[in-house]
C-alpha atoms as a PDB file:
ATOM      1  CA  MET A   1      -4.613   4.741   3.001  1.00  0.00           C
ATOM      2  CA  LYS A   2      -2.347   6.120   5.556  1.00  0.00           C
ATOM      3  CA  GLY A   3      -0.248   3.039   6.803  1.00  0.00           C
ATOM      4  CA  ILE A   4      -1.780   0.627   4.949  1.00  0.00           C
ATOM      5  CA  LEU A   5       0.425  -0.410   2.468  1.00  0.00           C
ATOM      6  CA  LEU A   6       3.532  -0.236   5.523  1.00  0.00           C
ATOM      7  CA  ALA A   7       1.136  -3.169   6.984  1.00  0.00           C
ATOM      8  CA  ILE A   8       0.383  -5.097   4.313  1.00  0.00           C
ATOM      9  CA  VAL A   9       3.802  -5.131   3.340  1.00  0.00           C
ATOM     10  CA  ILE A  10       5.748  -6.008   6.897  1.00  0.00           C
ATOM     11  CA  LEU A  11       1.946  -8.330   7.800  1.00  0.00           C
ATOM     12  CA  CYS A  12       1.408 -10.271   4.427  1.00  0.00           C
ATOM     13  CA  PRO A  13       4.509 -12.468   5.412  1.00  0.00           C
ATOM     14  CA  ALA A  14       2.598 -13.743   8.445  1.00  0.00           C
ATOM     15  CA  ALA A  15      -0.772 -14.371   6.709  1.00  0.00           C
ATOM     16  CA  THR A  16      -1.520 -18.051   6.205  1.00  0.00           C
ATOM     17  CA  TRP A  17      -1.531 -19.743   3.370  1.00  0.00           C
ATOM     18  CA  ALA A  18      -0.653 -23.743   2.517  1.00  0.00           C
ATOM     19  CA  GLN A  19       2.844 -23.094   2.287  1.00  0.00           C
ATOM     20  CA  ASP A  20       5.695 -22.657   5.435  1.00  0.00           C
ATOM     21  CA  ILE A  21       5.884 -18.966   5.726  1.00  0.00           C
ATOM     22  CA  LYS A  22       9.037 -17.313   7.288  1.00  0.00           C
ATOM     23  CA  PRO A  23       8.536 -13.969   8.637  1.00  0.00           C
ATOM     24  CA  VAL A  24      10.709 -10.924   7.089  1.00  0.00           C
ATOM     25  CA  ASP A  25      13.347 -10.242   9.771  1.00  0.00           C
ATOM     26  CA  VAL A  26      12.897  -6.659  10.429  1.00  0.00           C
ATOM     27  CA  LYS A  27      12.191  -5.057  14.094  1.00  0.00           C
ATOM     28  CA  PRO A  28       9.040  -4.395  15.899  1.00  0.00           C
ATOM     29  CA  GLY A  29       7.902  -0.764  16.744  1.00  0.00           C
ATOM     30  CA  LEU A  30       6.869   2.921  14.595  1.00  0.00           C
ATOM     31  CA  TRP A  31       7.846   2.324  10.647  1.00  0.00           C
ATOM     32  CA  GLU A  32       7.979   5.246   8.366  1.00  0.00           C
ATOM     33  CA  ASN A  33       7.171   4.353   4.733  1.00  0.00           C
ATOM     34  CA  THR A  34       6.937   6.539   1.763  1.00  0.00           C
ATOM     35  CA  THR A  35       4.868   5.208  -1.555  1.00  0.00           C
ATOM     36  CA  THR A  36       5.040   6.098  -4.761  1.00  0.00           C
ATOM     37  CA  THR A  37       1.711   5.099  -6.928  1.00  0.00           C
ATOM     38  CA  GLU A  38       1.917   5.506 -10.402  1.00  0.00           C
ATOM     39  CA  MET A  39      -1.881   4.436 -12.054  1.00  0.00           C
ATOM     40  CA  SER A  40      -2.789   4.248 -15.945  1.00  0.00           C
ATOM     41  CA  GLY A  41      -6.067   3.498 -18.483  1.00  0.00           C
ATOM     42  CA  MET A  42      -8.330   5.345 -15.811  1.00  0.00           C
ATOM     43  CA  ALA A  43      -9.993   8.997 -16.643  1.00  0.00           C
ATOM     44  CA  MET A  44      -9.059  11.658 -14.251  1.00  0.00           C
ATOM     45  CA  PRO A  45     -12.290  14.520 -13.557  1.00  0.00           C
ATOM     46  CA  GLN A  46     -10.768  18.124 -14.451  1.00  0.00           C
ATOM     47  CA  MET A  47      -8.992  19.635 -12.449  1.00  0.00           C
ATOM     48  CA  PRO A  48     -10.573  23.135 -11.565  1.00  0.00           C
ATOM     49  CA  GLN A  49      -7.871  26.212 -12.335  1.00  0.00           C
ATOM     50  CA  LEU A  50      -7.349  28.130  -8.706  1.00  0.00           C
ATOM     51  CA  THR A  51      -5.544  31.753  -8.666  1.00  0.00           C
ATOM     52  CA  PRO A  52      -2.963  31.868  -6.909  1.00  0.00           C
ATOM     53  CA  GLU A  53      -5.099  33.744  -4.262  1.00  0.00           C
ATOM     54  CA  GLN A  54      -7.770  31.064  -4.429  1.00  0.00           C
ATOM     55  CA  LEU A  55      -4.863  28.493  -3.587  1.00  0.00           C
ATOM     56  CA  ALA A  56      -3.067  30.711  -0.991  1.00  0.00           C
ATOM     57  CA  GLN A  57      -6.368  30.957   0.708  1.00  0.00           C
ATOM     58  CA  LEU A  58      -6.644  27.043   1.181  1.00  0.00           C
ATOM     59  CA  PRO A  59      -5.490  24.845   4.247  1.00  0.00           C
ATOM     60  CA  PRO A  60      -2.052  23.312   3.818  1.00  0.00           C
ATOM     61  CA  GLU A  61      -2.883  20.009   3.701  1.00  0.00           C
ATOM     62  CA  ALA A  62      -5.646  20.717   0.696  1.00  0.00           C
ATOM     63  CA  ARG A  63      -3.009  22.454  -1.169  1.00  0.00           C
ATOM     64  CA  ALA A  64      -0.651  20.181  -1.345  1.00  0.00           C
ATOM     65  CA  ARG A  65      -3.155  17.348  -2.387  1.00  0.00           C
ATOM     66  CA  LEU A  66      -4.016  19.547  -5.014  1.00  0.00           C
ATOM     67  CA  GLN A  67      -1.042  20.363  -6.046  1.00  0.00           C
ATOM     68  CA  ALA A  68       0.146  16.526  -6.002  1.00  0.00           C
ATOM     69  CA  MET A  69      -3.248  16.209  -8.651  1.00  0.00           C
ATOM     70  CA  LYS A  70      -2.311  18.178 -10.913  1.00  0.00           C
ATOM     71  CA  GLY A  71       0.544  16.456 -13.263  1.00  0.00           C
ATOM     72  CA  GLY A  72      -2.265  14.105 -14.103  1.00  0.00           C
ATOM     73  CA  MET A  73      -3.034  10.042 -14.520  1.00  0.00           C
ATOM     74  CA  GLY A  74       0.629   8.621 -15.240  1.00  0.00           C
ATOM     75  CA  THR A  75       2.336  11.449 -12.980  1.00  0.00           C
ATOM     76  CA  PRO A  76       3.845   9.298  -9.457  1.00  0.00           C
ATOM     77  CA  ARG A  77       2.278  10.262  -6.328  1.00  0.00           C
ATOM     78  CA  VAL A  78       4.729  10.209  -3.792  1.00  0.00           C
ATOM     79  CA  SER A  79       2.979   9.805   0.023  1.00  0.00           C
ATOM     80  CA  THR A  80       4.614   8.702   3.542  1.00  0.00           C
ATOM     81  CA  SER A  81       3.038   7.918   6.646  1.00  0.00           C
ATOM     82  CA  LYS A  82       3.545   5.770  10.089  1.00  0.00           C
ATOM     83  CA  ALA A  83       2.501   2.781  11.383  1.00  0.00           C
ATOM     84  CA  CYS A  84       3.098   0.591  14.167  1.00  0.00           C
ATOM     85  CA  ILE A  85       4.480  -2.634  13.827  1.00  0.00           C
ATOM     86  CA  THR A  86       4.465  -5.209  17.066  1.00  0.00           C
ATOM     87  CA  LYS A  87       5.647  -8.389  17.654  1.00  0.00           C
ATOM     88  CA  GLU A  88       2.967 -10.127  17.415  1.00  0.00           C
ATOM     89  CA  GLN A  89       1.680  -8.580  14.018  1.00  0.00           C
ATOM     90  CA  LEU A  90       4.652 -10.448  12.359  1.00  0.00           C
ATOM     91  CA  SER A  91       4.617 -13.710  13.841  1.00  0.00           C
ATOM     92  CA  LYS A  92       0.498 -14.312  13.969  1.00  0.00           C
ATOM     93  CA  PRO A  93      -1.448 -14.944  10.871  1.00  0.00           C
ATOM     94  CA  LEU A  94      -3.855 -11.229   9.613  1.00  0.00           C
ATOM     95  CA  SER A  95      -7.211 -12.206  11.124  1.00  0.00           C
ATOM     96  CA  ASN A  96      -8.454  -9.351   8.576  1.00  0.00           C
ATOM     97  CA  ILE A  97      -7.406 -10.564   5.043  1.00  0.00           C
ATOM     98  CA  ASP A  98     -10.339  -9.434   2.614  1.00  0.00           C
ATOM     99  CA  GLN A  99     -12.712 -12.088   1.758  1.00  0.00           C
ATOM    100  CA  SER A 100     -12.559 -10.791  -1.869  1.00  0.00           C
ATOM    101  CA  CYS A 101      -8.983 -11.756  -2.080  1.00  0.00           C
ATOM    102  CA  THR A 102      -6.578 -15.314  -1.768  1.00  0.00           C
ATOM    103  CA  ALA A 103      -3.274 -15.131  -1.657  1.00  0.00           C
ATOM    104  CA  LYS A 104      -0.548 -17.025  -2.700  1.00  0.00           C
ATOM    105  CA  LEU A 105       3.092 -17.079  -1.695  1.00  0.00           C
ATOM    106  CA  VAL A 106       5.910 -18.050  -4.217  1.00  0.00           C
ATOM    107  CA  SER A 107       8.488 -17.347  -2.079  1.00  0.00           C
ATOM    108  CA  SER A 108       9.014 -17.086   1.481  1.00  0.00           C
ATOM    109  CA  THR A 109      12.514 -16.111   3.240  1.00  0.00           C
ATOM    110  CA  SER A 110      13.836 -13.734   6.151  1.00  0.00           C
ATOM    111  CA  SER A 111      14.761 -11.584   3.253  1.00  0.00           C
ATOM    112  CA  SER A 112      12.560 -11.182   0.834  1.00  0.00           C
ATOM    113  CA  GLN A 113       8.812 -12.498  -0.260  1.00  0.00           C
ATOM    114  CA  GLN A 114       7.271 -12.631  -3.317  1.00  0.00           C
ATOM    115  CA  ILE A 115       2.874 -12.916  -2.875  1.00  0.00           C
ATOM    116  CA  HIS A 116       0.585 -13.197  -5.805  1.00  0.00           C
ATOM    117  CA  PHE A 117      -2.938 -12.034  -5.170  1.00  0.00           C
ATOM    118  CA  ASP A 118      -6.373 -12.496  -7.108  1.00  0.00           C
ATOM    119  CA  CYS A 119      -9.122 -10.540  -6.166  1.00  0.00           C
ATOM    120  CA  SER A 120     -13.148 -10.021  -7.027  1.00  0.00           C
ATOM    121  CA  ARG A 121     -14.984  -7.658  -6.000  1.00  0.00           C
ATOM    122  CA  GLY A 122     -18.617  -7.058  -7.754  1.00  0.00           C
ATOM    123  CA  ASN A 123     -17.820  -6.924 -11.276  1.00  0.00           C
ATOM    124  CA  THR A 124     -14.089  -5.995 -10.835  1.00  0.00           C
ATOM    125  CA  LYS A 125     -11.223  -8.460 -10.418  1.00  0.00           C
ATOM    126  CA  THR A 126      -7.722  -7.236  -9.881  1.00  0.00           C
ATOM    127  CA  VAL A 127      -4.559  -9.355  -9.937  1.00  0.00           C
ATOM    128  CA  GLY A 128      -1.388  -8.514  -8.643  1.00  0.00           C
ATOM    129  CA  ASP A 129       2.297  -9.282  -7.565  1.00  0.00           C
ATOM    130  CA  LEU A 130       4.056  -7.702  -4.297  1.00  0.00           C
ATOM    131  CA  THR A 131       7.778  -8.495  -3.932  1.00  0.00           C
ATOM    132  CA  LEU A 132       9.432  -7.423  -0.087  1.00  0.00           C
ATOM    133  CA  ASN A 133      12.871  -7.078  -0.132  1.00  0.00           C
ATOM    134  CA  ARG A 134      14.706  -7.045   3.224  1.00  0.00           C
ATOM    135  CA  VAL A 135      17.644  -4.911   3.411  1.00  0.00           C
ATOM    136  CA  ASP A 136      18.791  -4.355   7.279  1.00  0.00           C
ATOM    137  CA  SER A 137      16.849  -5.195  10.402  1.00  0.00           C
ATOM    138  CA  GLU A 138      15.587  -1.306  10.262  1.00  0.00           C
ATOM    139  CA  HIS A 139      15.116  -0.996   6.388  1.00  0.00           C
ATOM    140  CA  MET A 140      12.871  -2.745   3.792  1.00  0.00           C
ATOM    141  CA  LYS A 141      12.102  -2.105  -0.154  1.00  0.00           C
ATOM    142  CA  GLY A 142       9.986  -3.349  -3.066  1.00  0.00           C
ATOM    143  CA  ASP A 143       7.329  -3.214  -5.554  1.00  0.00           C
ATOM    144  CA  MET A 144       4.048  -4.209  -6.062  1.00  0.00           C
ATOM    145  CA  ALA A 145       2.094  -4.210  -9.699  1.00  0.00           C
ATOM    146  CA  MET A 146      -1.877  -4.380  -9.878  1.00  0.00           C
ATOM    147  CA  LYS A 147      -4.044  -4.895 -12.599  1.00  0.00           C
ATOM    148  CA  ALA A 148      -8.170  -4.084 -12.402  1.00  0.00           C
ATOM    149  CA  THR A 149     -10.140  -4.841 -15.073  1.00  0.00           C
ATOM    150  CA  GLY A 150     -14.186  -4.360 -15.179  1.00  0.00           C
ATOM    151  CA  ASP A 151     -16.561  -5.922 -17.071  1.00  0.00           C
ATOM    152  CA  GLY A 152     -17.796  -2.538 -18.503  1.00  0.00           C
ATOM    153  CA  SER A 153     -20.864  -2.507 -16.837  1.00  0.00           C
ATOM    154  CA  THR A 154     -20.319   0.881 -14.695  1.00  0.00           C
ATOM    155  CA  PRO A 155     -20.451   4.194 -17.408  1.00  0.00           C
ATOM    156  CA  GLY A 156     -17.631   5.569 -17.404  1.00  0.00           C
ATOM    157  CA  ALA A 157     -15.222   3.430 -15.939  1.00  0.00           C
ATOM    158  CA  PRO A 158     -12.426   1.774 -17.564  1.00  0.00           C
ATOM    159  CA  ALA A 159     -12.064  -1.308 -18.906  1.00  0.00           C
ATOM    160  CA  SER A 160      -9.091  -1.683 -17.003  1.00  0.00           C
ATOM    161  CA  VAL A 161      -6.332  -0.128 -14.594  1.00  0.00           C
ATOM    162  CA  THR A 162      -2.897  -0.303 -14.010  1.00  0.00           C
ATOM    163  CA  ILE A 163      -1.112   0.551 -10.906  1.00  0.00           C
ATOM    164  CA  LYS A 164       2.714   0.395  -9.842  1.00  0.00           C
ATOM    165  CA  VAL A 165       3.482   0.951  -6.626  1.00  0.00           C
ATOM    166  CA  THR A 166       7.509   1.452  -5.255  1.00  0.00           C
ATOM    167  CA  PHE A 167       7.407   1.577  -1.281  1.00  0.00           C
ATOM    168  CA  ASN A 168      11.232   2.308   1.403  1.00  0.00           C
ATOM    169  CA  ASN A 169      10.259   1.920   4.956  1.00  0.00           C
ATOM    170  CA  LYS A 170      12.375   2.588   7.568  1.00  0.00           C
ATOM    171  CA  TRP A 171      12.091   2.123  11.372  1.00  0.00           C
ATOM    172  CA  LEU A 172      12.308   4.369  13.475  1.00  0.00           C
ATOM    173  CA  SER A 173      11.612   3.674  16.953  1.00  0.00           C
ATOM    174  CA  ALA A 174      10.787   0.733  19.213  1.00  0.00           C
ATOM    175  CA  ASP A 175       8.190   3.034  21.136  1.00  0.00           C
ATOM    176  CA  CYS A 176       5.070   4.292  18.635  1.00  0.00           C
ATOM    177  CA  GLY A 177       4.249   6.944  20.761  1.00  0.00           C
ATOM    178  CA  ASP A 178       0.660   8.042  19.453  1.00  0.00           C
ATOM    179  CA  VAL A 179       0.384   5.437  16.688  1.00  0.00           C
ATOM    180  CA  LYS A 180      -1.421   2.318  17.357  1.00  0.00           C
ATOM    181  CA  PRO A 181      -0.926  -0.977  15.541  1.00  0.00           C
ATOM    182  CA  SER A 182      -3.657  -1.526  13.019  1.00  0.00           C
ATOM    183  CA  GLY A 183      -6.514  -3.523  14.806  1.00  0.00           C
ATOM    184  CA  SER A 184      -5.785  -1.861  18.070  1.00  0.00           C
ATOM    185  CA  ASP A 185      -8.635  -0.615  19.749  1.00  0.00           C
ATOM    186  CA  LYS A 186      -6.782   1.180  21.971  1.00  0.00           C
END
């Protein structure tokens, strides 16, 4: 999911819908995305209990993931990722919109966007709303609220899950360095 949310948030304004799209006026280049995610309605598996010695032996990334999971369901999860967003991506429609989703642009200006989406995949339907606000050409913020509902045919799966995401994006540089644009084969 690294960088995906930032790409969705920045590129959704460029997606083709039946309405006039006004891309959010931000700089292309390397962006950092800080995302806070909260989920409710889904049971989490029992967390393994590790001694401090066992925890110290884990690689730093694994230790951080395990410690982040200890809060349980409903505990906000914060993650940071980087994404390379090109001028072309800001001005062209997305070429890889999930075919199981439809999106409706509710409003579009150079400083904010509101998008409603409906997705159906298998026995799960997801409905959500994304709000994106330009703070200035180097900062964006927003939120997304989603509700996924299943038909109950999957044993142990929850009937519904609610996901709330808030994000703060900041432009870092015109040069993306080693970070490649989404969909890039380079």
